[in-house]
């Protein structure tokens, strides 16, 4: 099994094409806006969403993937714009190992750049017709719904696992699903392959987000390119935290919560990580992520075997292995 770096290298040509197209799309004669937009796009990222779009398209038809490049880039621009807004909300100072846009250029400029990237993304989606445009718009609406549900539950120590799963399905999984839906619609795929890839992408998104939430606790910040323990320090309640609060001794839980309220970062990281291990929260969350990954693999059983399908199957397995790779 390859690791995530090797998987990305295997698709190096496609990533280069996506990056090249992103720069072309965001170009504007307004020099300051272009500089800030390019700073954000050049920050990098795994490009999971455009690669998922491209691979789903290739599995669905025999046409060249360049036909779907604008849609793939559009999905990445929506994702990037949402990260800009996340960083504003969280007042984050770093993203992908670099200072955030709001940290360098200020809040007002960051908001405008996020709006600009959303607009360019929808322009790209519109090139594939009204059905694909609606898929993209619906995914963005769900993203906003998930972010709002998460925001109103910040610091809610009674958050249920059910509500948490609703949050991440809207914020991440349905967006992954939209990448596959847009690709299969543009490819004119039949219902069997469309349904298979849609279910695959949704479950992959769920596995991806649960894994990301685990890595926020057990990951190495130098490898992740962002600080760890961001969620708990911003009062975002994720699956490992929910399980910990459910299983931990109330007195110990109170100790941690009091430290959070005081902003005592020095005692949060190691103590909370230790508590999550002893309560089995990390193992439990890993099993949930693995379960979604297995569902993603199962969804592909009706798709015709191809090199691109193999890459999708490999991605489903790699996603949860990031925990072992980066912890």
Protein backbone atom coordinates (compact mmCIF):
# COMPACT_ATOMS: atom_id res chain seq x y z
CA UNK A 1 0.00 0.00 0.00
CA UNK A 2 1.36 3.41 -0.98
CA UNK A 3 1.22 6.35 1.38
CA UNK A 4 -0.58 9.58 0.55
CA UNK A 5 2.57 11.25 -0.82
CA UNK A 6 3.19 8.40 -3.27
CA UNK A 7 -0.47 8.41 -4.29
CA UNK A 8 -0.28 12.14 -5.08
CA UNK A 9 2.97 11.70 -6.99
CA UNK A 10 1.29 9.08 -9.15
CA UNK A 11 -1.15 11.78 -10.24
CA UNK A 12 1.48 14.49 -10.52
CA UNK A 13 0.57 15.42 -14.09
CA UNK A 14 -3.08 15.90 -13.22
CA UNK A 15 -2.21 17.98 -10.14
CA UNK A 16 0.00 20.19 -12.30
CA UNK A 17 -2.86 20.67 -14.76
CA UNK A 18 -5.25 21.59 -11.96
CA UNK A 19 -2.76 24.08 -10.51
CA UNK A 20 -2.12 25.63 -13.91
CA UNK A 21 -5.84 26.01 -14.55
CA UNK A 22 -6.45 27.50 -11.10
CA UNK A 23 -3.95 30.28 -11.80
CA UNK A 24 -5.57 31.00 -15.17
CA UNK A 25 -9.05 31.11 -13.68
CA UNK A 26 -8.26 33.53 -10.86
CA UNK A 27 -6.38 35.98 -13.09
CA UNK A 28 -7.67 39.53 -12.94
CA UNK A 29 -6.28 42.88 -14.03
CA UNK A 30 -6.88 44.10 -10.48
CA UNK A 31 -3.32 43.49 -9.32
CA UNK A 32 -3.94 43.43 -5.57
CA UNK A 33 -6.84 41.00 -5.85
CA UNK A 34 -4.79 38.72 -8.11
CA UNK A 35 -1.82 38.83 -5.73
CA UNK A 36 -3.95 37.83 -2.74
CA UNK A 37 -5.88 35.17 -4.67
CA UNK A 38 -2.69 33.67 -6.02
CA UNK A 39 -1.12 33.65 -2.56
CA UNK A 40 -4.00 31.51 -1.35
CA UNK A 41 -4.07 29.15 -4.33
CA UNK A 42 -0.27 28.77 -4.34
CA UNK A 43 -0.36 27.69 -0.69
CA UNK A 44 -0.99 24.19 -2.05
CA UNK A 45 -3.04 21.41 -0.54
CA UNK A 46 -3.70 17.81 -1.45
CA UNK A 47 -6.14 18.68 -4.25
CA UNK A 48 -8.31 15.74 -3.18
CA UNK A 49 -11.50 17.30 -4.50
CA UNK A 50 -10.34 18.07 -8.06
CA UNK A 51 -8.54 14.72 -8.28
CA UNK A 52 -11.70 12.96 -7.12
CA UNK A 53 -13.64 14.85 -9.79
CA UNK A 54 -11.15 13.91 -12.52
CA UNK A 55 -10.94 10.24 -11.54
CA UNK A 56 -14.73 9.92 -11.29
CA UNK A 57 -15.01 11.41 -14.78
CA UNK A 58 -12.43 9.02 -16.20
CA UNK A 59 -14.17 6.02 -14.61
CA UNK A 60 -17.44 7.21 -16.17
CA UNK A 61 -16.36 7.75 -19.79
CA UNK A 62 -13.52 7.45 -22.29
CA UNK A 63 -13.18 11.18 -22.94
CA UNK A 64 -9.99 13.07 -21.97
CA UNK A 65 -9.92 14.37 -18.40
CA UNK A 66 -9.10 17.86 -19.67
CA UNK A 67 -12.82 18.12 -20.49
CA UNK A 68 -13.62 18.18 -16.76
CA UNK A 69 -10.69 20.35 -15.66
CA UNK A 70 -12.71 23.55 -15.24
CA UNK A 71 -15.24 21.82 -12.97
CA UNK A 72 -12.44 20.16 -10.97
CA UNK A 73 -10.77 23.54 -10.49
CA UNK A 74 -14.10 25.11 -9.56
CA UNK A 75 -14.60 22.64 -6.73
CA UNK A 76 -11.10 23.39 -5.46
CA UNK A 77 -11.83 27.13 -5.50
CA UNK A 78 -14.95 26.61 -3.38
CA UNK A 79 -12.92 24.54 -0.93
CA UNK A 80 -10.18 27.20 -0.82
CA UNK A 81 -12.71 29.99 -0.29
CA UNK A 82 -14.30 28.06 2.57
CA UNK A 83 -10.87 27.66 4.21
CA UNK A 84 -10.34 31.43 4.02
CA UNK A 85 -13.64 31.93 5.83
CA UNK A 86 -12.76 29.20 8.36
CA UNK A 87 -9.49 30.97 9.13
CA UNK A 88 -11.34 34.25 9.62
CA UNK A 89 -13.85 32.64 11.99
CA UNK A 90 -11.10 30.84 13.95
CA UNK A 91 -8.67 33.79 13.74
CA UNK A 92 -6.07 31.24 12.58
CA UNK A 93 -2.53 32.42 11.94
CA UNK A 94 -1.30 29.52 9.77
CA UNK A 95 -2.71 27.30 7.07
CA UNK A 96 -0.80 24.67 5.07
CA UNK A 97 2.39 25.71 6.83
CA UNK A 98 2.11 29.37 5.75
CA UNK A 99 0.62 32.51 7.33
CA UNK A 100 -3.10 32.77 6.58
CA UNK A 101 -4.47 35.36 4.18
CA UNK A 102 -6.20 37.27 6.98
CA UNK A 103 -2.96 37.25 8.97
CA UNK A 104 -1.01 38.92 6.16
CA UNK A 105 -3.54 41.09 4.35
CA UNK A 106 -6.18 41.66 7.00
CA UNK A 107 -9.77 40.62 7.60
CA UNK A 108 -11.46 42.84 5.01
CA UNK A 109 -9.24 41.74 2.14
CA UNK A 110 -9.58 38.08 3.11
CA UNK A 111 -13.39 38.31 2.95
CA UNK A 112 -13.24 39.85 -0.53
CA UNK A 113 -10.83 37.20 -1.81
CA UNK A 114 -13.09 34.44 -0.49
CA UNK A 115 -16.07 36.02 -2.28
CA UNK A 116 -14.04 36.35 -5.49
CA UNK A 117 -13.02 32.67 -5.45
CA UNK A 118 -16.63 31.59 -4.90
CA UNK A 119 -17.70 33.69 -7.89
CA UNK A 120 -15.02 32.24 -10.16
CA UNK A 121 -15.94 28.72 -9.03
CA UNK A 122 -19.58 29.15 -10.00
CA UNK A 123 -18.49 30.57 -13.36
CA UNK A 124 -16.57 27.34 -13.98
CA UNK A 125 -19.52 25.18 -12.93
CA UNK A 126 -21.89 27.03 -15.23
CA UNK A 127 -19.89 25.84 -18.24
CA UNK A 128 -21.26 22.33 -17.70
CA UNK A 129 -24.92 23.26 -17.77
CA UNK A 130 -27.70 23.94 -15.25
CA UNK A 131 -27.76 20.46 -13.67
CA UNK A 132 -24.06 20.57 -12.76
CA UNK A 133 -24.43 24.19 -11.62
CA UNK A 134 -27.18 23.15 -9.24
CA UNK A 135 -25.10 20.26 -7.89
CA UNK A 136 -22.29 22.71 -7.13
CA UNK A 137 -24.65 25.29 -5.59
CA UNK A 138 -26.41 22.68 -3.44
CA UNK A 139 -23.06 21.43 -2.14
CA UNK A 140 -22.06 24.97 -1.21
CA UNK A 141 -25.38 25.49 0.56
CA UNK A 142 -24.83 22.31 2.58
CA UNK A 143 -21.33 23.52 3.40
CA UNK A 144 -22.78 26.72 4.84
CA UNK A 145 -25.40 24.75 6.77
CA UNK A 146 -22.72 22.51 8.26
CA UNK A 147 -20.55 25.46 9.23
CA UNK A 148 -23.51 27.17 10.87
CA UNK A 149 -24.54 24.04 12.78
CA UNK A 150 -20.96 23.68 13.98
CA UNK A 151 -20.79 27.37 14.98
CA UNK A 152 -23.97 27.30 17.07
CA UNK A 153 -22.65 24.22 18.87
CA UNK A 154 -19.21 25.60 19.73
CA UNK A 155 -18.50 24.73 23.32
CA UNK A 156 -21.57 22.49 23.57
CA UNK A 157 -20.18 19.71 25.75
CA UNK A 158 -23.45 17.81 25.34
CA UNK A 159 -23.17 17.61 21.56
CA UNK A 160 -24.33 14.19 20.37
CA UNK A 161 -22.50 11.95 17.96
CA UNK A 162 -25.53 12.16 15.68
CA UNK A 163 -25.27 15.96 15.41
CA UNK A 164 -21.52 15.75 14.90
CA UNK A 165 -22.04 13.37 11.97
CA UNK A 166 -24.63 15.76 10.52
CA UNK A 167 -22.10 18.59 10.74
CA UNK A 168 -19.33 16.73 8.94
CA UNK A 169 -21.66 15.25 6.35
CA UNK A 170 -22.69 18.77 5.33
CA UNK A 171 -19.24 20.35 5.65
CA UNK A 172 -17.24 17.61 3.93
CA UNK A 173 -18.99 14.44 2.79
CA UNK A 174 -21.70 16.02 0.65
CA UNK A 175 -19.07 18.18 -1.01
CA UNK A 176 -17.03 15.08 -1.91
CA UNK A 177 -20.27 13.58 -3.16
CA UNK A 178 -20.90 16.65 -5.33
CA UNK A 179 -17.49 16.24 -6.97
CA UNK A 180 -18.48 12.76 -8.12
CA UNK A 181 -22.02 13.82 -9.07
CA UNK A 182 -20.79 16.73 -11.17
CA UNK A 183 -18.25 14.50 -12.93
CA UNK A 184 -20.68 11.68 -13.71
CA UNK A 185 -23.35 14.12 -14.89
CA UNK A 186 -20.89 15.84 -17.21
CA UNK A 187 -19.76 12.43 -18.47
CA UNK A 188 -23.34 11.32 -19.17
CA UNK A 189 -22.85 8.24 -17.00
CA UNK A 190 -25.63 5.77 -16.34
CA UNK A 191 -27.44 5.49 -13.01
CA UNK A 192 -25.47 2.44 -11.82
CA UNK A 193 -22.03 4.03 -12.10
CA UNK A 194 -23.33 7.44 -10.97
CA UNK A 195 -24.86 5.98 -7.82
CA UNK A 196 -21.77 3.89 -7.11
CA UNK A 197 -19.38 6.84 -7.37
CA UNK A 198 -21.73 9.13 -5.43
CA UNK A 199 -21.90 6.68 -2.50
CA UNK A 200 -18.15 6.13 -2.68
CA UNK A 201 -17.41 9.85 -2.52
CA UNK A 202 -19.82 10.53 0.35
CA UNK A 203 -18.36 7.77 2.53
CA UNK A 204 -14.84 8.78 1.60
CA UNK A 205 -15.67 12.32 2.76
CA UNK A 206 -16.96 11.03 6.09
CA UNK A 207 -13.81 8.93 6.61
CA UNK A 208 -11.64 11.87 5.59
CA UNK A 209 -13.21 14.30 8.09
CA UNK A 210 -13.24 11.90 11.05
CA UNK A 211 -9.57 11.15 10.30
CA UNK A 212 -8.80 14.87 10.12
CA UNK A 213 -10.43 15.36 13.52
CA UNK A 214 -8.32 12.55 15.00
CA UNK A 215 -5.15 14.05 13.52
CA UNK A 216 -6.00 17.36 15.17
CA UNK A 217 -5.24 15.51 18.40
CA UNK A 218 -2.59 12.90 17.61
CA UNK A 219 -0.95 14.45 14.54
CA UNK A 220 2.44 16.07 14.16
CA UNK A 221 1.97 19.76 13.32
CA UNK A 222 5.20 19.87 11.29
CA UNK A 223 3.86 17.11 9.02
CA UNK A 224 0.29 18.36 8.89
CA UNK A 225 1.30 21.91 7.97
CA UNK A 226 -1.03 23.35 10.61
CA UNK A 227 -1.23 23.44 14.42
CA UNK A 228 -2.80 20.55 16.32
CA UNK A 229 -5.48 20.85 19.00
CA UNK A 230 -7.09 23.64 16.98
CA UNK A 231 -10.59 22.18 17.37
CA UNK A 232 -10.71 21.98 21.16
CA UNK A 233 -9.00 25.35 21.59
CA UNK A 234 -11.71 26.90 19.43
CA UNK A 235 -14.44 25.00 21.29
CA UNK A 236 -15.27 22.81 18.28
CA UNK A 237 -16.54 19.48 19.56
CA UNK A 238 -15.40 16.53 17.43
CA UNK A 239 -15.91 12.77 17.68
CA UNK A 240 -12.84 12.01 19.88
CA UNK A 241 -13.94 14.77 22.27
CA UNK A 242 -17.55 13.55 22.34
CA UNK A 243 -16.41 10.01 23.18
CA UNK A 244 -13.98 11.28 25.83
CA UNK A 245 -16.62 13.35 27.59
CA UNK A 246 -18.96 10.37 27.49
CA UNK A 247 -16.48 7.95 29.03
CA UNK A 248 -14.21 10.02 31.29
CA UNK A 249 -14.56 10.44 35.02
CA UNK A 250 -16.61 13.62 35.63
CA UNK A 251 -13.97 15.09 37.96
CA UNK A 252 -11.23 14.66 35.35
CA UNK A 253 -13.47 16.09 32.65
CA UNK A 254 -14.14 19.15 34.81
CA UNK A 255 -10.40 19.65 35.26
CA UNK A 256 -9.89 19.75 31.50
CA UNK A 257 -12.88 22.01 30.87
CA UNK A 258 -11.72 24.45 33.53
CA UNK A 259 -8.30 24.60 31.87
CA UNK A 260 -9.99 25.34 28.55
CA UNK A 261 -12.01 28.17 30.06
CA UNK A 262 -8.85 29.66 31.56
CA UNK A 263 -7.09 29.41 28.23
CA UNK A 264 -4.36 27.37 29.89
CA UNK A 265 -2.90 25.87 26.71
CA UNK A 266 0.10 24.37 28.52
CA UNK A 267 -2.08 21.83 30.32
CA UNK A 268 -4.52 21.07 27.53
CA UNK A 269 -2.49 19.25 24.89
CA UNK A 270 -0.80 16.46 26.80
CA UNK A 271 -3.54 16.01 29.42
CA UNK A 272 -6.40 15.85 26.95
CA UNK A 273 -4.47 13.57 24.61
CA UNK A 274 -3.74 11.23 27.53
CA UNK A 275 -7.42 11.25 28.52
CA UNK A 276 -8.52 10.44 24.97
CA UNK A 277 -6.20 7.47 24.86
CA UNK A 278 -7.26 6.07 28.25
CA UNK A 279 -10.97 6.40 27.44
CA UNK A 280 -10.46 4.68 24.08
CA UNK A 281 -11.70 7.77 22.20
CA UNK A 282 -8.93 7.65 19.60
CA UNK A 283 -9.45 3.94 18.90
CA UNK A 284 -13.21 4.40 18.75
CA UNK A 285 -12.93 7.31 16.31
CA UNK A 286 -10.45 5.39 14.18
CA UNK A 287 -12.91 2.50 13.90
CA UNK A 288 -15.65 4.91 12.80
CA UNK A 289 -13.35 6.36 10.13
CA UNK A 290 -12.35 2.87 9.01
CA UNK A 291 -15.99 1.84 8.77
CA UNK A 292 -16.75 4.71 6.40
CA UNK A 293 -13.67 3.85 4.35
CA UNK A 294 -14.91 0.27 4.01
CA UNK A 295 -18.34 1.53 2.93
CA UNK A 296 -16.61 3.65 0.29
CA UNK A 297 -14.81 0.59 -1.06
CA UNK A 298 -18.01 -1.45 -1.05
CA UNK A 299 -19.78 1.23 -3.10
CA UNK A 300 -17.35 0.67 -5.97
CA UNK A 301 -18.23 -2.99 -6.39
CA UNK A 302 -20.57 -2.28 -9.33
CA UNK A 303 -18.10 -0.07 -11.21
CA UNK A 304 -16.11 -1.48 -14.10
CA UNK A 305 -12.49 -2.24 -13.16
CA UNK A 306 -9.97 0.28 -14.50
CA UNK A 307 -6.69 1.93 -13.44
CA UNK A 308 -8.65 5.00 -12.32
CA UNK A 309 -11.00 2.87 -10.23
CA UNK A 310 -7.97 1.26 -8.59
CA UNK A 311 -6.71 4.73 -7.68
CA UNK A 312 -10.05 5.56 -6.04
CA UNK A 313 -9.99 2.32 -4.08
CA UNK A 314 -6.44 3.03 -2.99
CA UNK A 315 -7.45 6.52 -1.83
CA UNK A 316 -10.21 5.08 0.37
CA UNK A 317 -7.67 2.90 2.14
CA UNK A 318 -5.00 5.59 2.39
CA UNK A 319 -7.30 8.17 4.02
CA UNK A 320 -7.52 6.41 7.38
CA UNK A 321 -3.88 5.32 7.24
CA UNK A 322 -2.92 8.99 7.59
CA UNK A 323 -3.47 8.51 11.30
CA UNK A 324 -0.62 6.02 11.59
CA UNK A 325 1.48 7.94 9.06
CA UNK A 326 1.30 11.33 10.76
CA UNK A 327 0.88 10.48 14.43
